[in-house]
Amino acid sequence: MEPDTEPRGTVTQREQSMVLNDVNMLYHIYASVPPLAQKLMMELQRENHVEYLLRGLQQLGPSFCSLDANRPWICYWILHSMALLGEFIDADLEDRTIEFLSRCQDPNGGYGGGPGQMPHLATTYAAVNALISLGGEKSLSSINRSKVYTFLKRMKDPSGAFRMHDAGEIDVRACYTAIAVASILNILDDELLQNVGNYILSCQTYEGGIAGEPGSEAHGGYTFCGLAAMILINEADRLDLAALIGWVVFRQGVEGGFQGRTNKLVDGCYSFWQGGVFALLRRFHSIIGESPTPVDQRGAECSMDNTQTTTASDVSEGDGSSDEISSQGDEHCHFQHREREPLFHSIALQRYLLLCSQDPGGGLRDKLRKPRDYYHTCYCLSGLSICQHSWLKDEDSSPLPHAVLGPYSNVLEPVHPVFNIVLDRYHEAHEFFSRS
C-alpha cells in the first residue's frame, strides 16, 4: 500500500478553506441572481429579528441552562439589539426585566449572573448596559450606584488593574468593564483610575494589538476593551496607536469580515470588536481635532482607495468577488492625523454581515453553517451600525446612502462606541447620572 502523499494541511487550514468555499459560493449565487432577488438578499430582516429577540426575552429553552450565570448578558444582548433596531418592549415585559435584574444585584454591590449569584464585573457591566438600553427613570434608578462603587473598589488590585470577581482573574476585560461602568454611572474617581493605564499598556503586544494579560496573544476583544478603557481615562496616546491600527486593519479578511486573532477564522461578532476600534479612534481623534491617516515612511500619504475597492453599487450589482475586497495597503505605512474615510472596508463588512451572518428567519450568527444566537445577534448588529455610521463627522447626522449596503431601511440606530449603547440611551443615562 503506497503512502498517502497528498498534502492535508492543518485543521485550521482545512477549516479556512471550507469557510472560503462557503462564502465564495454564496457571493457567486448573489452575483448571478436578478437585481430584485439581490435586493431581497441584502435586506435586513427586521421583523424576523425582533420576533426572535422577543421570544428570548420572554422564555428560554432548556438548552440555555449552561448560560445560567450569564443571564444579565442575555438581557443586554437582546435589549441592545432591540434598541439598535429602533424597537421598544411593552411596559409589562420592561417591568419584569427591571425586577429580574434588581434580583441579580448583590446586597454588597455589583450584579451576579442570576439572583443569589456572586457579583462579577462582566455581569455588572451587562446589567448596567441592559438597564440603560431599557431607559427611563424606573430602570436607571434601580441601579444602586453607591453599592456598585463599593464593589468596584473591592475589585481593584494593588497592581492598578481589576479582578473580575472576589479572588478572580485579573485582565484587560476587567479593567474595561470596571472603568466603563464607573464612567457611565458618574462614579469614576482617582482611586479607581490609579495605574489602570500602566497595566493596559503592559498588555500591548509586539503585533500591535492588546492581549488579555501581559505576555499573551493579541486579541480583538481585548484590543477593543484596552483601547476603550484608555480613552475613558484619557491615556490612549500612551499606546502605540500606529501599530494597533495596523494590526486591526489586517484582521479584515477576503471574506469581508474580521477575525479575532492572527490566523483565525472570520467571525461576525468581530465586526464590532475589531470594527468598533476604528469608531473608537475616530472619537478619540475628534476630541483632539485629528483623524488617523496612514502615510508612508517617506512622508507621503498612502492611498486609502485600495481599502475601498468595492463600492456600494458594485456589490449591489453583484460585481467584485471576495478576492477584490482584500486590503492592499503599503506594508511600510505608519500613521499621521488627517480627516479621511474609514480605515476598514465598511461595504465589504456589511456584505459579510447581511449575506453570511444573517439568518433570514431571524437572528445573526458567527458564520455560515453556524446557528444563530443572541450574542452574535447583538454584536453583528452593533458592527453593522458602526459600518453605516463610520463616515459621519456629526453623530446627529443620518448616514449617506453610499455608506449603507442594501435598502436604506437597513439603517440601524447609532451607538456610542465606547459603551456599545445606542446613542440616545447613552445621552439619557449621562444626563440622569450627572444630576444624581
Protein backbone atom coordinates (compact mmCIF):
# COMPACT_ATOMS: atom_id res chain seq x y z
CA MET A 1 0.00 0.00 0.00
CA GLU A 2 1.51 3.30 -1.09
CA PRO A 3 1.77 6.07 1.48
CA ASP A 4 -0.65 8.97 1.12
CA THR A 5 1.43 11.87 -0.18
CA GLU A 6 -1.49 14.28 -0.64
CA PRO A 7 -0.96 17.48 1.43
CA ARG A 8 -3.65 17.57 4.07
CA GLY A 9 -2.89 20.86 5.80
CA THR A 10 -3.64 21.71 9.40
CA VAL A 11 -7.10 21.66 10.93
CA THR A 12 -7.18 25.46 10.78
CA GLN A 13 -6.19 25.45 7.09
CA ARG A 14 -8.90 22.95 6.23
CA GLU A 15 -11.50 24.93 8.16
CA GLN A 16 -10.36 28.18 6.50
CA SER A 17 -10.68 26.55 3.08
CA MET A 18 -14.21 25.37 3.92
CA VAL A 19 -15.22 28.85 5.11
CA LEU A 20 -13.83 30.47 1.96
CA ASN A 21 -15.62 27.96 -0.25
CA ASP A 22 -18.92 28.57 1.55
CA VAL A 23 -18.57 32.35 1.36
CA ASN A 24 -17.45 32.39 -2.28
CA MET A 25 -20.31 30.13 -3.27
CA LEU A 26 -22.85 32.42 -1.61
CA TYR A 27 -21.27 35.53 -3.15
CA HIS A 28 -21.38 33.91 -6.61
CA ILE A 29 -25.03 32.97 -6.11
CA TYR A 30 -25.73 36.57 -5.13
CA ALA A 31 -23.91 37.84 -8.23
CA SER A 32 -25.89 35.54 -10.53
CA VAL A 33 -29.45 36.32 -9.42
CA PRO A 34 -31.63 39.17 -10.78
CA PRO A 35 -31.47 42.62 -9.14
CA LEU A 36 -34.78 42.14 -7.30
CA ALA A 37 -33.51 38.93 -5.71
CA GLN A 38 -30.23 40.67 -4.81
CA LYS A 39 -32.19 43.41 -3.06
CA LEU A 40 -34.10 40.84 -1.03
CA MET A 41 -30.90 39.02 -0.09
CA MET A 42 -29.33 42.28 1.13
CA GLU A 43 -32.34 43.35 3.16
CA LEU A 44 -32.09 43.35 6.95
CA GLN A 45 -34.94 41.11 8.11
CA ARG A 46 -36.11 43.42 10.88
CA GLU A 47 -39.43 41.79 11.73
CA ASN A 48 -37.88 38.32 11.97
CA HIS A 49 -35.06 39.62 14.16
CA VAL A 50 -37.49 41.35 16.52
CA GLU A 51 -39.62 38.21 16.79
CA TYR A 52 -36.54 36.10 17.56
CA LEU A 53 -35.33 38.59 20.19
CA LEU A 54 -38.67 38.94 21.97
CA ARG A 55 -39.02 35.17 22.27
CA GLY A 56 -35.67 35.02 24.04
CA LEU A 57 -36.53 37.78 26.49
CA GLN A 58 -39.79 36.09 27.45
CA GLN A 59 -38.77 32.43 27.66
CA LEU A 60 -35.59 30.42 27.12
CA GLY A 61 -35.48 26.69 26.49
CA PRO A 62 -33.61 24.01 28.49
CA SER A 63 -30.56 24.27 26.20
CA PHE A 64 -29.76 27.64 27.81
CA CYS A 65 -29.09 26.12 31.24
CA SER A 66 -25.35 26.34 30.53
CA LEU A 67 -25.75 30.15 30.42
CA ASP A 68 -27.38 30.34 33.85
CA ALA A 69 -24.51 32.53 35.12
CA ASN A 70 -24.87 34.87 32.13
CA ARG A 71 -28.49 35.93 32.37
CA PRO A 72 -27.81 39.70 32.58
CA TRP A 73 -25.74 39.27 29.43
CA ILE A 74 -28.69 37.69 27.64
CA CYS A 75 -30.84 40.64 28.74
CA TYR A 76 -28.25 43.07 27.39
CA TRP A 77 -27.71 41.25 24.09
CA ILE A 78 -31.44 41.22 23.43
CA LEU A 79 -32.32 44.71 24.70
CA HIS A 80 -29.40 46.34 22.91
CA SER A 81 -30.31 44.53 19.68
CA MET A 82 -33.90 45.75 20.03
CA ALA A 83 -32.65 49.32 20.61
CA LEU A 84 -30.43 49.12 17.52
CA LEU A 85 -33.49 48.11 15.51
CA GLY A 86 -35.38 51.09 16.95
CA GLU A 87 -37.82 48.85 18.80
CA PHE A 88 -39.20 49.00 22.35
CA ILE A 89 -40.62 46.28 24.58
CA ASP A 90 -44.03 46.59 26.23
CA ALA A 91 -44.44 48.01 29.73
CA ASP A 92 -45.13 44.65 31.39
CA LEU A 93 -42.03 43.00 29.94
CA GLU A 94 -39.98 46.07 30.82
CA ASP A 95 -41.12 45.92 34.47
CA ARG A 96 -40.36 42.20 34.66
CA THR A 97 -36.88 42.78 33.22
CA ILE A 98 -36.10 45.55 35.73
CA GLU A 99 -37.39 43.38 38.58
CA PHE A 100 -35.27 40.41 37.45
CA LEU A 101 -32.08 42.48 37.14
CA SER A 102 -32.76 44.01 40.56
CA ARG A 103 -32.77 40.50 42.00
CA CYS A 104 -29.35 39.94 40.39
CA GLN A 105 -27.99 42.96 42.30
CA ASP A 106 -25.89 41.83 45.25
CA PRO A 107 -26.59 43.43 48.66
CA ASN A 108 -22.89 44.33 48.87
CA GLY A 109 -22.73 45.80 45.37
CA GLY A 110 -22.42 44.63 41.80
CA TYR A 111 -24.56 42.22 39.80
CA GLY A 112 -24.28 38.46 39.65
CA GLY A 113 -25.10 36.13 36.77
CA GLY A 114 -28.51 35.46 38.30
CA PRO A 115 -30.39 36.01 41.57
CA GLY A 116 -28.22 34.98 44.53
CA GLN A 117 -25.09 34.50 42.44
CA MET A 118 -21.70 36.02 43.21
CA PRO A 119 -21.24 39.57 41.85
CA HIS A 120 -18.97 39.74 38.83
CA LEU A 121 -17.61 42.66 36.81
CA ALA A 122 -18.75 41.22 33.48
CA THR A 123 -22.36 40.73 34.57
CA THR A 124 -22.30 44.10 36.35
CA TYR A 125 -21.36 45.72 33.04
CA ALA A 126 -24.05 43.70 31.24
CA ALA A 127 -26.77 44.55 33.77
CA VAL A 128 -25.95 48.27 33.76
CA ASN A 129 -25.91 48.35 29.95
CA ALA A 130 -29.19 46.41 29.82
CA LEU A 131 -30.90 48.86 32.17
CA ILE A 132 -29.56 51.84 30.22
CA SER A 133 -30.77 50.20 27.00
CA LEU A 134 -34.25 49.98 28.53
CA GLY A 135 -34.08 53.64 29.51
CA GLY A 136 -36.49 55.58 31.74
CA GLU A 137 -36.28 56.69 35.34
CA LYS A 138 -37.51 53.42 36.82
CA SER A 139 -34.82 51.43 35.06
CA LEU A 140 -31.96 53.85 35.73
CA SER A 141 -32.88 54.49 39.37
CA SER A 142 -32.87 50.74 40.08
CA ILE A 143 -29.04 50.80 39.96
CA ASN A 144 -27.54 51.25 43.45
CA ARG A 145 -24.57 53.39 42.46
CA SER A 146 -23.00 53.64 45.90
CA LYS A 147 -23.00 49.86 46.27
CA VAL A 148 -21.62 49.45 42.75
CA TYR A 149 -18.80 51.84 43.67
CA THR A 150 -18.03 49.78 46.78
CA PHE A 151 -17.90 46.64 44.63
CA LEU A 152 -15.57 48.28 42.08
CA LYS A 153 -13.19 49.38 44.84
CA ARG A 154 -13.20 45.84 46.20
CA MET A 155 -12.22 44.50 42.77
CA LYS A 156 -9.32 46.98 42.46
CA ASP A 157 -5.96 45.21 42.60
CA PRO A 158 -2.77 46.81 44.01
CA SER A 159 -1.25 46.49 40.50
CA GLY A 160 -3.79 49.05 39.28
CA ALA A 161 -5.84 46.51 37.33
CA PHE A 162 -9.13 44.92 38.39
CA ARG A 163 -10.27 41.40 39.28
CA MET A 164 -13.39 40.01 37.63
CA HIS A 165 -14.76 38.82 40.99
CA ASP A 166 -13.54 38.07 44.51
CA ALA A 167 -10.26 36.11 44.12
CA GLY A 168 -10.88 36.10 40.36
CA GLU A 169 -8.67 36.67 37.36
CA ILE A 170 -7.05 39.99 36.51
CA ASP A 171 -7.21 41.06 32.86
CA VAL A 172 -7.93 43.88 30.42
CA ARG A 173 -11.60 42.88 30.22
CA ALA A 174 -11.93 43.53 33.95
CA CYS A 175 -10.29 46.94 33.54
CA TYR A 176 -12.66 47.93 30.76
CA THR A 177 -15.86 46.74 32.41
CA ALA A 178 -14.95 48.43 35.71
CA ILE A 179 -13.95 51.74 34.11
CA ALA A 180 -16.91 51.73 31.70
CA VAL A 181 -19.43 51.11 34.49
CA ALA A 182 -17.84 53.76 36.73
CA SER A 183 -17.77 56.27 33.89
CA ILE A 184 -21.36 55.83 32.73
CA LEU A 185 -22.64 55.90 36.34
CA ASN A 186 -20.58 59.02 37.08
CA ILE A 187 -18.68 57.40 39.97
CA LEU A 188 -15.20 57.31 38.41
CA ASP A 189 -12.56 58.80 40.70
CA ASP A 190 -8.78 58.90 41.14
CA GLU A 191 -8.76 55.80 43.33
CA LEU A 192 -10.35 53.69 40.59
CA LEU A 193 -8.16 55.27 37.91
CA GLN A 194 -4.83 54.69 39.64
CA ASN A 195 -2.35 52.74 37.47
CA VAL A 196 -5.03 51.23 35.20
CA GLY A 197 -3.24 52.66 32.19
CA ASN A 198 0.07 51.11 33.20
CA TYR A 199 -1.49 47.65 33.30
CA ILE A 200 -3.22 48.02 29.92
CA LEU A 201 -0.03 49.38 28.37
CA SER A 202 1.83 46.27 29.57
CA CYS A 203 -0.66 44.14 27.60
CA GLN A 204 0.03 45.68 24.15
CA THR A 205 1.95 43.08 22.18
CA TYR A 206 4.69 43.19 19.54
CA GLU A 207 1.94 42.72 16.91
CA GLY A 208 0.26 45.97 17.93
CA GLY A 209 -2.96 44.54 19.34
CA ILE A 210 -3.74 44.15 23.02
CA ALA A 211 -3.77 40.86 24.94
CA GLY A 212 -5.88 39.89 27.92
CA GLU A 213 -2.83 39.92 30.20
CA PRO A 214 0.90 40.60 29.83
CA GLY A 215 2.66 38.04 27.64
CA SER A 216 -0.47 36.67 25.96
CA GLU A 217 -1.59 36.87 22.32
CA ALA A 218 -3.20 39.99 20.85
CA HIS A 219 -6.98 39.53 20.59
CA GLY A 220 -9.77 41.60 19.06
CA GLY A 221 -11.97 41.66 22.14
CA TYR A 222 -9.14 42.68 24.45
CA THR A 223 -7.88 45.25 21.95
CA PHE A 224 -11.30 46.91 21.95
CA CYS A 225 -11.51 46.74 25.75
CA GLY A 226 -8.00 48.09 26.25
CA LEU A 227 -8.38 50.98 23.81
CA ALA A 228 -11.86 51.91 25.11
CA ALA A 229 -10.61 51.95 28.70
CA MET A 230 -7.58 54.06 27.74
CA ILE A 231 -9.86 56.55 26.01
CA LEU A 232 -12.08 56.76 29.10
CA ILE A 233 -9.09 57.50 31.34
CA ASN A 234 -7.56 59.93 28.79
CA GLU A 235 -4.40 57.85 28.26
CA ALA A 236 -4.95 56.45 24.76
CA ASP A 237 -1.95 58.40 23.44
CA ARG A 238 0.31 56.22 25.59
CA LEU A 239 -0.44 53.25 23.33
CA ASP A 240 1.40 52.61 20.09
CA LEU A 241 -1.66 53.58 18.04
CA ALA A 242 0.04 53.17 14.66
CA ALA A 243 0.90 49.53 15.48
CA LEU A 244 -2.56 48.95 16.93
CA ILE A 245 -4.30 50.29 13.81
CA GLY A 246 -2.03 48.25 11.57
CA TRP A 247 -2.85 45.06 13.47
CA VAL A 248 -6.61 45.65 13.36
CA VAL A 249 -6.62 46.63 9.66
CA PHE A 250 -5.07 43.30 8.72
CA ARG A 251 -7.64 41.31 10.69
CA GLN A 252 -10.21 42.02 7.95
CA GLY A 253 -10.07 39.07 5.59
CA VAL A 254 -11.01 38.35 1.99
CA GLU A 255 -14.48 37.30 3.17
CA GLY A 256 -15.09 40.91 4.24
CA GLY A 257 -15.46 40.08 7.92
CA PHE A 258 -12.93 40.29 10.73
CA GLN A 259 -11.01 37.58 12.53
CA GLY A 260 -10.31 37.88 16.24
CA ARG A 261 -6.65 36.84 16.15
CA THR A 262 -3.92 36.24 13.59
CA ASN A 263 -4.53 33.09 11.50
CA LYS A 264 -8.02 32.51 12.92
CA LEU A 265 -11.35 32.20 11.13
CA VAL A 266 -13.67 35.10 10.34
CA ASP A 267 -16.42 35.63 12.93
CA GLY A 268 -19.35 38.04 12.67
CA CYS A 269 -19.01 39.27 16.27
CA TYR A 270 -15.65 40.86 15.44
CA SER A 271 -17.45 43.27 13.16
CA PHE A 272 -17.92 45.17 16.42
CA TRP A 273 -14.89 44.16 18.48
CA GLN A 274 -12.49 44.95 15.60
CA GLY A 275 -14.63 47.34 13.52
CA GLY A 276 -15.50 49.25 16.67
CA VAL A 277 -11.82 50.06 17.19
CA PHE A 278 -12.00 52.43 14.21
CA ALA A 279 -15.04 54.14 15.70
CA LEU A 280 -13.15 54.49 18.99
CA LEU A 281 -10.18 56.04 17.21
CA ARG A 282 -12.47 58.40 15.33
CA ARG A 283 -14.00 59.53 18.62
CA PHE A 284 -10.58 59.86 20.27
CA HIS A 285 -9.15 61.90 17.42
CA SER A 286 -12.28 64.06 17.18
CA ILE A 287 -11.54 65.13 20.76
CA ILE A 288 -8.07 66.35 19.78
CA GLY A 289 -9.21 67.58 16.37
CA GLU A 290 -7.41 64.97 14.28
CA SER A 291 -8.13 61.73 12.44
CA PRO A 292 -5.72 58.88 11.69
CA THR A 293 -4.48 58.59 8.11
CA PRO A 294 -1.64 56.32 7.02
CA VAL A 295 1.46 57.80 5.44
CA ASP A 296 4.46 56.00 4.06
CA GLN A 297 7.90 56.31 5.62
CA ARG A 298 8.89 58.97 3.09
CA GLY A 299 6.15 61.22 4.48
CA ALA A 300 3.72 60.88 1.55
CA GLU A 301 0.14 59.83 2.11
CA CYS A 302 -0.70 56.21 1.38
CA SER A 303 -3.79 55.97 -0.80
CA MET A 304 -6.76 54.68 1.14
CA ASP A 305 -8.58 53.95 -2.12
CA ASN A 306 -7.11 50.44 -2.04
CA THR A 307 -9.10 49.60 1.08
CA GLN A 308 -12.39 50.65 -0.53
CA THR A 309 -12.07 48.88 -3.90
CA THR A 310 -15.70 47.77 -3.99
CA THR A 311 -18.36 50.46 -3.92
CA ALA A 312 -21.91 50.03 -2.68
CA SER A 313 -23.15 49.97 -6.25
CA ASP A 314 -20.56 47.33 -7.21
CA VAL A 315 -21.78 44.98 -4.51
CA SER A 316 -25.46 45.65 -5.04
CA GLU A 317 -24.99 44.78 -8.72
CA GLY A 318 -23.06 41.63 -7.91
CA ASP A 319 -19.68 42.90 -9.14
CA GLY A 320 -16.47 42.07 -7.30
CA SER A 321 -15.50 38.74 -5.79
CA SER A 322 -14.20 38.25 -2.29
CA ASP A 323 -10.66 38.39 -3.71
CA GLU A 324 -11.25 42.02 -4.65
CA ILE A 325 -12.03 43.15 -1.13
CA SER A 326 -8.70 42.28 0.45
CA SER A 327 -6.76 45.23 1.81
CA GLN A 328 -3.68 46.14 -0.21
CA GLY A 329 -2.19 48.93 1.89
CA ASP A 330 1.54 49.65 1.86
CA GLU A 331 3.19 47.40 4.44
CA HIS A 332 5.54 50.27 5.33
CA CYS A 333 2.77 52.69 6.28
CA HIS A 334 2.66 54.46 9.59
CA PHE A 335 0.06 56.96 10.72
CA GLN A 336 -0.39 60.68 10.89
CA HIS A 337 -3.66 62.51 11.52
CA ARG A 338 -5.98 63.95 8.91
CA GLU A 339 -9.66 63.79 8.04
CA ARG A 340 -10.24 60.74 5.82
CA GLU A 341 -12.64 57.90 5.08
CA PRO A 342 -12.82 54.74 7.27
CA LEU A 343 -9.65 52.68 7.54
CA PHE A 344 -11.56 49.44 7.03
CA HIS A 345 -13.71 48.22 4.14
CA SER A 346 -17.15 49.05 5.54
CA ILE A 347 -19.09 47.90 2.45
CA ALA A 348 -17.35 44.52 2.38
CA LEU A 349 -18.07 44.06 6.08
CA GLN A 350 -21.75 44.91 5.57
CA ARG A 351 -21.90 42.37 2.76
CA TYR A 352 -20.49 39.65 5.01
CA LEU A 353 -22.94 40.50 7.81
CA LEU A 354 -26.04 40.64 5.60
CA LEU A 355 -25.31 37.61 3.43
CA CYS A 356 -23.27 35.31 5.68
CA SER A 357 -24.12 36.24 9.28
CA GLN A 358 -27.81 37.00 8.90
CA ASP A 359 -30.26 34.13 9.41
CA PRO A 360 -33.25 35.03 7.18
CA GLY A 361 -35.56 33.54 9.80
CA GLY A 362 -34.29 35.94 12.47
CA GLY A 363 -31.08 36.37 14.44
CA LEU A 364 -27.45 36.57 13.33
CA ARG A 365 -24.56 34.14 13.60
CA ASP A 366 -20.79 33.74 13.58
CA LYS A 367 -20.57 32.40 10.00
CA LEU A 368 -22.31 30.10 7.55
CA ARG A 369 -23.06 26.62 8.99
CA LYS A 370 -23.23 28.09 12.50
CA PRO A 371 -26.51 28.55 14.42
CA ARG A 372 -27.89 31.96 15.31
CA ASP A 373 -27.60 33.14 18.91
CA TYR A 374 -28.25 36.29 20.95
CA TYR A 375 -24.57 37.13 21.44
CA HIS A 376 -23.83 37.21 17.72
CA THR A 377 -27.11 38.98 17.00
CA CYS A 378 -26.07 41.77 19.36
CA TYR A 379 -22.51 42.23 18.11
CA CYS A 380 -23.24 41.67 14.41
CA LEU A 381 -25.94 44.36 14.55
CA SER A 382 -23.59 46.60 16.53
CA GLY A 383 -20.93 46.13 13.86
CA LEU A 384 -23.45 46.84 11.12
CA SER A 385 -24.36 50.11 12.83
CA ILE A 386 -20.67 51.02 13.12
CA CYS A 387 -20.28 50.44 9.36
CA GLN A 388 -23.28 52.55 8.42
CA HIS A 389 -22.27 55.49 10.60
CA SER A 390 -18.49 55.23 10.10
CA TRP A 391 -18.29 58.04 7.53
CA LEU A 392 -20.13 60.66 9.60
CA LYS A 393 -18.43 63.65 11.16
CA ASP A 394 -21.55 64.61 13.11
CA GLU A 395 -23.08 61.90 15.31
CA ASP A 396 -26.53 63.50 14.90
CA SER A 397 -26.47 63.15 11.09
CA SER A 398 -28.08 60.32 9.15
CA PRO A 399 -25.83 58.03 7.09
CA LEU A 400 -25.46 58.91 3.42
CA PRO A 401 -26.94 56.31 1.02
CA HIS A 402 -23.49 55.35 -0.36
CA ALA A 403 -22.44 54.24 3.15
CA VAL A 404 -25.37 51.83 3.52
CA LEU A 405 -25.36 48.50 1.71
CA GLY A 406 -28.78 47.28 0.62
CA PRO A 407 -32.01 49.27 1.00
CA TYR A 408 -31.83 52.39 3.15
CA SER A 409 -34.33 50.74 5.51
CA ASN A 410 -31.32 48.70 6.72
CA VAL A 411 -30.09 51.71 8.69
CA LEU A 412 -29.74 50.98 12.41
CA GLU A 413 -29.57 53.36 15.36
CA PRO A 414 -26.09 54.78 16.02
CA VAL A 415 -24.14 53.52 19.03
CA HIS A 416 -21.74 55.17 21.43
CA PRO A 417 -18.68 53.09 20.51
CA VAL A 418 -17.04 53.21 23.95
CA PHE A 419 -20.01 51.63 25.76
CA ASN A 420 -21.86 49.94 22.87
CA ILE A 421 -25.11 51.59 23.89
CA VAL A 422 -27.50 53.23 21.45
CA LEU A 423 -26.62 56.92 21.37
CA ASP A 424 -29.89 58.40 22.59
CA ARG A 425 -29.98 55.95 25.55
CA TYR A 426 -26.41 56.95 26.40
CA HIS A 427 -27.35 60.65 26.43
CA GLU A 428 -30.38 59.92 28.63
CA ALA A 429 -28.24 57.96 31.10
CA HIS A 430 -25.47 60.57 31.06
CA GLU A 431 -27.93 63.31 31.91
CA PHE A 432 -29.65 61.21 34.59
CA PHE A 433 -26.46 60.22 36.41
CA SER A 434 -24.91 63.67 36.04
CA ARG A 435 -27.66 65.17 38.16
CA SER A 436 -27.94 62.27 40.63
